[in-house]
């Protein structure tokens, strides 16, 4: 069987060639003798076997899949399985086509002579920089199994924190959506009937009633425009959120909102502390740990703060200085505890404690959020219903008074 390949020679030049081999394993054995870097390999028929990353595009890989991969792989390595065999077991157990392709690609890359973290780098959309960096340190330190389990714990805590914050926002979002839907239905089916009654009786209408009738007439006559406008606005907001300026605007709004802002700050503080702690515990140097943490965070203001802190560290100043100065983003407690950690040489354990504290705070606040938001929503709903009722009932009372 003939295998054609693309490789980079010792002079750094890319070239193509071919090798006769019985199977893929024999090909890799023969290629290793060349001592060069393999880019891609395929059978003469054209079927790619090697480092291709062309996997199913539209299949979404969940965070829990990555957590399970890290944990199970760590457990299998601890039990004595080789890395290649452990990944093969994960490949057979995974139903997703995209993950299967990624696991196969990892094994092929490892067989070609790449280290595990180099193989992970071939799939940046699946394995984030945090994952790759911790695996690299685990490989170099000879404790890959323990590091992988630590990666699983870190990713799970970040995932659960994000899930709690999103879950807290679900209740008010559903209530507001239901209110808008009911309002539109009333404008289409209820208001027109009352409007006809008012016209027949030639009642003088107050301004609030005229506004409601005008909105109802527009929605009833131009329902396609209304529907298109609603869908367009939703898509527009999503598009704006994807842009740099729009994302920054939404990030600022989330920090300024009452109650929600505190949860966002504490959530980002917990994620920052947890990620830094995990990386430092694994042996990643401080500058690289801060850089990777800035990539993990979603809020642009926190990203900017972490990026600026790299310059602070490179000047020889303590990292806690930035955290103490950025009190609008990080509670003072974070910077003070980090300062204590720097002075005692126990920054990683201190950061782990800070992360646990704020994770618990977020959990408590998200549980209480529905209790806080419920009366606010009730007042808002009551005011909306009262405005509608007064606007539509007032003309009816005028008619009754005229009859008397």
Protein backbone atom coordinates (compact mmCIF):
# COMPACT_ATOMS: atom_id res chain seq x y z
CA UNK A 1 0.00 0.00 0.00
CA UNK A 2 1.34 3.43 -0.94
CA UNK A 3 1.03 6.46 1.32
CA UNK A 4 1.63 9.99 0.06
CA UNK A 5 2.55 12.62 2.60
CA UNK A 6 3.42 16.28 3.13
CA UNK A 7 6.28 17.06 5.51
CA UNK A 8 8.72 19.78 6.59
CA UNK A 9 12.43 18.93 6.38
CA UNK A 10 15.17 19.96 8.77
CA UNK A 11 15.80 23.15 6.77
CA UNK A 12 12.17 24.22 7.32
CA UNK A 13 11.07 23.58 3.72
CA UNK A 14 7.76 21.88 2.95
CA UNK A 15 7.80 18.99 0.47
CA UNK A 16 5.71 15.98 -0.60
CA UNK A 17 6.71 12.34 -0.91
CA UNK A 18 5.45 8.77 -0.70
CA UNK A 19 6.31 5.61 1.24
CA UNK A 20 5.34 1.98 0.65
CA UNK A 21 3.96 0.37 3.82
CA UNK A 22 1.67 -2.47 4.83
CA UNK A 23 -0.53 -0.25 6.97
CA UNK A 24 -0.71 3.12 8.66
CA UNK A 25 1.29 1.99 11.70
CA UNK A 26 4.14 0.77 9.50
CA UNK A 27 4.08 4.07 7.60
CA UNK A 28 4.59 6.04 10.81
CA UNK A 29 7.43 3.72 11.82
CA UNK A 30 9.18 4.30 8.50
CA UNK A 31 8.58 8.04 8.54
CA UNK A 32 10.03 8.45 12.06
CA UNK A 33 13.36 7.23 10.67
CA UNK A 34 13.50 10.39 8.51
CA UNK A 35 13.46 12.61 11.60
CA UNK A 36 11.27 15.23 9.92
CA UNK A 37 7.94 16.90 10.74
CA UNK A 38 4.81 15.26 9.28
CA UNK A 39 2.08 17.64 8.13
CA UNK A 40 -0.41 15.29 6.46
CA UNK A 41 -0.60 11.73 5.20
CA UNK A 42 -3.15 9.95 3.00
CA UNK A 43 -3.57 6.70 1.15
CA UNK A 44 -2.91 6.69 -2.57
CA UNK A 45 -6.69 6.53 -3.00
CA UNK A 46 -6.93 9.97 -1.41
CA UNK A 47 -8.38 9.04 1.95
CA UNK A 48 -6.80 11.21 4.63
CA UNK A 49 -5.43 9.40 7.66
CA UNK A 50 -3.31 11.90 9.48
CA UNK A 51 -3.55 15.32 10.88
CA UNK A 52 -6.60 16.53 9.02
CA UNK A 53 -8.97 18.67 11.02
CA UNK A 54 -11.82 18.46 8.48
CA UNK A 55 -14.49 17.13 10.81
CA UNK A 56 -18.23 17.67 10.86
CA UNK A 57 -18.78 21.42 11.00
CA UNK A 58 -22.31 21.70 12.29
CA UNK A 59 -22.10 19.30 15.23
CA UNK A 60 -21.75 21.18 18.48
CA UNK A 61 -19.39 19.82 21.11
CA UNK A 62 -20.71 20.41 24.62
CA UNK A 63 -18.51 21.46 27.51
CA UNK A 64 -19.60 18.35 29.43
CA UNK A 65 -18.08 16.21 26.63
CA UNK A 66 -14.71 17.89 27.23
CA UNK A 67 -15.04 17.47 31.00
CA UNK A 68 -15.84 13.77 30.61
CA UNK A 69 -12.90 13.37 28.21
CA UNK A 70 -10.44 14.95 30.66
CA UNK A 71 -11.69 13.01 33.67
CA UNK A 72 -12.03 9.60 32.02
CA UNK A 73 -8.70 9.92 30.24
CA UNK A 74 -7.03 10.83 33.54
CA UNK A 75 -8.63 7.83 35.28
CA UNK A 76 -7.58 5.42 32.51
CA UNK A 77 -4.00 6.70 32.52
CA UNK A 78 -3.92 6.34 36.31
CA UNK A 79 -5.16 2.75 35.91
CA UNK A 80 -2.15 1.97 33.69
CA UNK A 81 -3.50 2.27 30.15
CA UNK A 82 -1.27 3.86 27.54
CA UNK A 83 -2.31 7.27 26.22
CA UNK A 84 -3.02 5.93 22.72
CA UNK A 85 -5.17 3.06 24.01
CA UNK A 86 -7.06 5.34 26.41
CA UNK A 87 -7.93 7.74 23.59
CA UNK A 88 -9.03 4.78 21.42
CA UNK A 89 -11.39 3.68 24.20
CA UNK A 90 -12.83 7.21 24.36
CA UNK A 91 -13.22 7.18 20.56
CA UNK A 92 -15.26 3.93 20.66
CA UNK A 93 -17.46 5.19 23.51
CA UNK A 94 -18.23 8.56 21.90
CA UNK A 95 -21.41 8.75 19.75
CA UNK A 96 -20.61 12.15 18.21
CA UNK A 97 -19.04 12.11 14.75
CA UNK A 98 -17.06 15.29 15.38
CA UNK A 99 -15.51 14.03 18.60
CA UNK A 100 -14.75 10.65 17.06
CA UNK A 101 -12.88 12.43 14.29
CA UNK A 102 -10.99 14.54 16.80
CA UNK A 103 -10.00 11.54 18.94
CA UNK A 104 -8.82 9.65 15.87
CA UNK A 105 -6.85 12.70 14.78
CA UNK A 106 -5.24 12.91 18.24
CA UNK A 107 -4.14 9.29 18.06
CA UNK A 108 -2.78 9.73 14.54
CA UNK A 109 -0.84 12.81 15.61
CA UNK A 110 0.62 11.02 18.65
CA UNK A 111 1.58 8.04 16.46
CA UNK A 112 3.39 10.43 14.10
CA UNK A 113 5.62 11.55 16.95
CA UNK A 114 3.79 14.57 18.33
CA UNK A 115 3.33 15.05 22.07
CA UNK A 116 -0.19 15.04 23.49
CA UNK A 117 -0.37 18.81 23.94
CA UNK A 118 0.88 19.33 20.37
CA UNK A 119 -1.86 17.00 19.14
CA UNK A 120 -4.46 18.97 21.14
CA UNK A 121 -3.27 22.18 19.50
CA UNK A 122 -4.50 20.81 16.15
CA UNK A 123 -8.07 21.23 17.43
CA UNK A 124 -8.21 24.74 18.96
CA UNK A 125 -12.00 24.96 18.57
CA UNK A 126 -12.42 21.87 20.77
CA UNK A 127 -9.59 22.13 23.27
CA UNK A 128 -9.09 25.67 24.68
CA UNK A 129 -5.66 27.15 25.59
CA UNK A 130 -6.28 26.34 29.28
CA UNK A 131 -6.66 22.64 28.44
CA UNK A 132 -3.54 22.57 26.25
CA UNK A 133 -1.35 24.52 28.70
CA UNK A 134 -2.20 22.31 31.68
CA UNK A 135 -1.66 19.13 29.64
CA UNK A 136 1.73 20.44 28.49
CA UNK A 137 2.84 21.02 32.08
CA UNK A 138 1.48 17.62 33.09
CA UNK A 139 3.46 15.91 30.34
CA UNK A 140 6.67 17.73 31.25
CA UNK A 141 6.18 17.01 34.96
CA UNK A 142 5.31 13.35 34.46
CA UNK A 143 1.90 13.63 36.16
CA UNK A 144 -0.41 13.78 33.15
CA UNK A 145 -3.12 11.63 34.75
CA UNK A 146 -3.48 13.90 37.77
CA UNK A 147 -3.33 17.03 35.61
CA UNK A 148 -6.13 15.77 33.35
CA UNK A 149 -8.35 15.13 36.35
CA UNK A 150 -7.55 18.63 37.59
CA UNK A 151 -8.49 20.04 34.15
CA UNK A 152 -11.82 18.22 34.44
CA UNK A 153 -12.49 19.72 37.88
CA UNK A 154 -11.53 23.23 36.71
CA UNK A 155 -13.74 23.09 33.61
CA UNK A 156 -16.67 21.65 35.56
CA UNK A 157 -16.54 24.41 38.20
CA UNK A 158 -16.42 27.11 35.50
CA UNK A 159 -19.28 25.42 33.65
CA UNK A 160 -21.46 25.12 36.76
CA UNK A 161 -20.81 28.76 37.66
CA UNK A 162 -21.86 29.95 34.20
CA UNK A 163 -24.89 27.64 34.26
CA UNK A 164 -26.09 29.08 37.59
CA UNK A 165 -25.85 32.66 36.31
CA UNK A 166 -27.72 31.79 33.10
CA UNK A 167 -30.30 29.84 35.08
CA UNK A 168 -30.94 32.85 37.30
CA UNK A 169 -31.71 34.96 34.21
CA UNK A 170 -34.11 32.39 32.77
CA UNK A 171 -37.08 33.18 35.04
CA UNK A 172 -37.35 36.92 34.32
CA UNK A 173 -36.68 36.29 30.61
CA UNK A 174 -39.61 33.87 30.37
CA UNK A 175 -41.94 36.25 32.25
CA UNK A 176 -41.07 39.18 29.97
CA UNK A 177 -41.50 37.03 26.84
CA UNK A 178 -44.94 35.85 28.00
CA UNK A 179 -45.98 39.44 28.77
CA UNK A 180 -44.97 40.65 25.30
CA UNK A 181 -46.82 37.74 23.67
CA UNK A 182 -50.02 38.42 25.63
CA UNK A 183 -49.80 42.15 24.87
CA UNK A 184 -49.51 41.47 21.11
CA UNK A 185 -52.46 39.05 21.18
CA UNK A 186 -54.61 41.61 23.01
CA UNK A 187 -53.65 44.29 20.50
CA UNK A 188 -54.73 41.99 17.64
CA UNK A 189 -57.90 40.39 19.08
CA UNK A 190 -59.22 42.49 22.01
CA UNK A 191 -58.51 46.15 21.25
CA UNK A 192 -60.07 46.20 17.72
CA UNK A 193 -63.47 45.10 19.15
CA UNK A 194 -63.42 47.88 21.75
CA UNK A 195 -62.26 50.37 19.12
CA UNK A 196 -65.31 49.65 16.95
CA UNK A 197 -67.57 50.19 19.96
CA UNK A 198 -65.96 53.55 20.70
CA UNK A 199 -66.34 54.65 17.05
CA UNK A 200 -70.04 53.70 16.95
CA UNK A 201 -70.76 55.65 20.12
CA UNK A 202 -68.53 58.58 19.09
CA UNK A 203 -66.81 58.73 22.47
CA UNK A 204 -64.08 61.30 23.17
CA UNK A 205 -60.95 59.23 23.80
CA UNK A 206 -58.13 60.12 26.21
CA UNK A 207 -54.56 60.24 24.88
CA UNK A 208 -53.53 56.90 26.46
CA UNK A 209 -56.45 55.14 24.73
CA UNK A 210 -55.57 56.73 21.38
CA UNK A 211 -51.97 55.49 21.75
CA UNK A 212 -53.10 51.91 22.42
CA UNK A 213 -55.58 51.99 19.52
CA UNK A 214 -52.91 53.39 17.16
CA UNK A 215 -50.51 50.58 18.13
CA UNK A 216 -53.29 48.00 17.73
CA UNK A 217 -54.26 49.32 14.28
CA UNK A 218 -50.66 49.24 13.09
CA UNK A 219 -50.06 45.68 14.34
CA UNK A 220 -53.38 44.44 12.90
CA UNK A 221 -52.88 46.00 9.46
CA UNK A 222 -49.10 45.65 9.16
CA UNK A 223 -48.62 42.34 10.97
CA UNK A 224 -45.99 41.20 8.46
CA UNK A 225 -43.95 44.38 9.04
CA UNK A 226 -44.39 43.98 12.80
CA UNK A 227 -43.26 40.34 12.72
CA UNK A 228 -40.36 41.23 10.42
CA UNK A 229 -39.39 44.13 12.68
CA UNK A 230 -39.41 41.88 15.76
CA UNK A 231 -37.32 39.19 14.06
CA UNK A 232 -35.03 41.81 12.54
CA UNK A 233 -34.50 43.49 15.89
CA UNK A 234 -33.64 40.16 17.52
CA UNK A 235 -31.18 39.27 14.76
CA UNK A 236 -29.78 42.81 14.87
CA UNK A 237 -29.12 42.58 18.61
CA UNK A 238 -27.44 39.21 18.17
CA UNK A 239 -25.30 40.62 15.35
CA UNK A 240 -24.37 43.68 17.40
CA UNK A 241 -23.44 41.38 20.28
CA UNK A 242 -20.97 39.61 17.99
CA UNK A 243 -19.17 42.83 17.06
CA UNK A 244 -16.37 44.19 19.24
CA UNK A 245 -18.16 47.47 20.04
CA UNK A 246 -21.51 45.76 20.64
CA UNK A 247 -19.99 43.09 22.87
CA UNK A 248 -18.23 45.76 24.90
CA UNK A 249 -21.51 47.68 25.28
CA UNK A 250 -23.40 44.60 26.53
CA UNK A 251 -20.51 43.75 28.88
CA UNK A 252 -20.75 47.24 30.39
CA UNK A 253 -24.54 47.01 30.76
CA UNK A 254 -24.24 43.65 32.54
CA UNK A 255 -21.81 45.23 35.04
CA UNK A 256 -24.04 48.25 35.70
CA UNK A 257 -27.37 46.44 36.17
CA UNK A 258 -28.68 46.37 39.76
CA UNK A 259 -28.27 42.96 41.44
CA UNK A 260 -27.17 41.34 38.15
CA UNK A 261 -24.00 43.47 38.12
CA UNK A 262 -22.90 42.09 41.49
CA UNK A 263 -23.40 38.52 40.30
CA UNK A 264 -21.44 39.19 37.11
CA UNK A 265 -18.54 40.72 39.09
CA UNK A 266 -18.40 37.91 41.60
CA UNK A 267 -18.77 35.29 38.85
CA UNK A 268 -15.86 36.73 36.87
CA UNK A 269 -13.78 37.06 40.04
CA UNK A 270 -14.41 33.41 40.87
CA UNK A 271 -13.55 32.27 37.35
CA UNK A 272 -10.37 34.38 37.31
CA UNK A 273 -9.21 33.06 40.68
CA UNK A 274 -10.09 29.44 39.88
CA UNK A 275 -8.32 29.47 36.50
CA UNK A 276 -5.18 31.16 37.85
CA UNK A 277 -5.08 28.76 40.78
CA UNK A 278 -5.38 25.68 38.54
CA UNK A 279 -2.66 26.89 36.16
CA UNK A 280 -0.25 27.88 38.94
CA UNK A 281 -0.84 24.58 40.74
CA UNK A 282 -0.03 22.72 37.51
CA UNK A 283 3.27 24.59 37.22
CA UNK A 284 2.47 27.15 34.52
CA UNK A 285 4.52 30.33 34.95
CA UNK A 286 2.65 33.43 36.15
CA UNK A 287 2.84 35.45 32.91
CA UNK A 288 1.52 32.55 30.83
CA UNK A 289 -1.15 31.79 33.46
CA UNK A 290 -2.44 35.37 33.29
CA UNK A 291 -2.45 35.27 29.48
CA UNK A 292 -4.43 32.03 29.36
CA UNK A 293 -6.86 33.32 32.00
CA UNK A 294 -7.53 36.41 29.88
CA UNK A 295 -8.44 34.08 26.98
CA UNK A 296 -10.83 32.10 29.20
CA UNK A 297 -12.80 35.13 30.45
CA UNK A 298 -15.73 36.28 28.29
CA UNK A 299 -16.23 39.86 29.54
CA UNK A 300 -14.06 42.28 27.53
CA UNK A 301 -13.38 44.54 30.54
CA UNK A 302 -11.94 41.63 32.53
CA UNK A 303 -9.91 40.53 29.51
CA UNK A 304 -8.42 44.02 29.22
CA UNK A 305 -7.57 44.11 32.94
CA UNK A 306 -5.78 40.75 32.76
CA UNK A 307 -3.89 41.72 29.60
CA UNK A 308 -2.69 44.95 31.23
CA UNK A 309 -1.55 42.98 34.28
CA UNK A 310 0.99 41.10 32.13
CA UNK A 311 2.96 44.33 31.72
CA UNK A 312 2.80 44.85 35.51
CA UNK A 313 4.31 41.40 36.13
CA UNK A 314 7.03 41.86 33.51
CA UNK A 315 8.10 45.07 35.28
CA UNK A 316 8.65 43.04 38.44
CA UNK A 317 5.64 44.42 40.29
CA UNK A 318 3.20 42.13 42.15
CA UNK A 319 0.10 40.92 40.31
CA UNK A 320 -2.08 41.91 43.26
CA UNK A 321 -1.39 45.59 42.45
CA UNK A 322 -3.65 45.45 39.38
CA UNK A 323 -6.42 43.64 41.26
CA UNK A 324 -6.34 46.18 44.11
CA UNK A 325 -6.52 49.08 41.62
CA UNK A 326 -9.38 47.59 39.58
CA UNK A 327 -11.98 47.80 42.35
CA UNK A 328 -14.72 48.48 39.78
CA UNK A 329 -14.20 44.97 38.44
CA UNK A 330 -12.75 42.93 41.31
CA UNK A 331 -13.85 43.17 44.95
CA UNK A 332 -11.05 44.44 47.21
CA UNK A 333 -10.99 41.05 48.94
CA UNK A 334 -9.55 39.43 45.79
CA UNK A 335 -6.55 41.75 45.59
CA UNK A 336 -5.86 41.62 49.35
CA UNK A 337 -5.92 37.81 49.44
CA UNK A 338 -3.68 37.67 46.38
CA UNK A 339 -1.27 40.05 48.08
CA UNK A 340 -1.14 37.75 51.12
CA UNK A 341 -0.54 34.79 48.79
CA UNK A 342 2.36 36.59 47.11
CA UNK A 343 3.94 37.47 50.46
CA UNK A 344 3.66 33.91 51.82
CA UNK A 345 4.43 32.09 48.58
CA UNK A 346 1.02 30.41 48.63
CA UNK A 347 -0.77 32.24 45.83
CA UNK A 348 -2.37 29.15 44.25
CA UNK A 349 -4.06 27.93 47.50
CA UNK A 350 -5.13 31.50 48.33
CA UNK A 351 -6.71 31.92 44.89
CA UNK A 352 -8.47 28.56 45.26
CA UNK A 353 -9.97 29.80 48.52
CA UNK A 354 -11.06 33.08 46.89
CA UNK A 355 -12.66 31.13 44.02
CA UNK A 356 -14.58 28.87 46.42
CA UNK A 357 -15.80 31.89 48.42
CA UNK A 358 -17.16 33.74 45.38
CA UNK A 359 -18.60 30.57 43.83
CA UNK A 360 -20.62 30.12 47.02
CA UNK A 361 -21.61 33.81 46.94
CA UNK A 362 -22.85 33.48 43.35
CA UNK A 363 -24.77 30.34 44.25
CA UNK A 364 -26.51 32.12 47.14
CA UNK A 365 -27.28 35.21 45.07
CA UNK A 366 -28.68 33.22 42.13
CA UNK A 367 -30.96 31.32 44.52
CA UNK A 368 -32.19 34.60 45.99
CA UNK A 369 -32.46 36.33 42.62
CA UNK A 370 -35.95 35.04 41.87
CA UNK A 371 -37.09 36.27 45.30
CA UNK A 372 -35.64 39.72 44.56
CA UNK A 373 -36.88 39.96 40.96
CA UNK A 374 -40.39 38.57 41.60
CA UNK A 375 -41.80 41.67 43.38
CA UNK A 376 -40.19 43.96 40.78
CA UNK A 377 -41.83 41.96 37.99
CA UNK A 378 -45.16 41.98 39.84
CA UNK A 379 -45.05 45.78 40.10
CA UNK A 380 -44.14 46.07 36.42
CA UNK A 381 -46.91 43.67 35.37
CA UNK A 382 -49.43 45.43 37.63
CA UNK A 383 -48.51 48.84 36.22
CA UNK A 384 -48.79 47.57 32.63
CA UNK A 385 -52.16 45.89 33.22
CA UNK A 386 -53.42 48.94 35.15
CA UNK A 387 -52.42 51.31 32.35
CA UNK A 388 -54.18 49.13 29.76
CA UNK A 389 -57.29 48.69 31.90
CA UNK A 390 -57.66 52.39 32.73
CA UNK A 391 -57.04 53.40 29.10
CA UNK A 392 -59.76 51.05 27.79
CA UNK A 393 -62.27 51.28 30.63
CA UNK A 394 -62.29 55.07 31.00
CA UNK A 395 -64.11 55.66 27.66
CA UNK A 396 -66.68 53.03 28.63
CA UNK A 397 -67.47 54.96 31.82
CA UNK A 398 -67.88 58.10 29.69
CA UNK A 399 -70.45 56.29 27.55
CA UNK A 400 -72.35 55.10 30.61
CA UNK A 401 -72.39 58.61 32.05
CA UNK A 402 -73.75 60.00 28.75
CA UNK A 403 -76.54 57.37 28.75
CA UNK A 404 -77.54 58.36 32.30
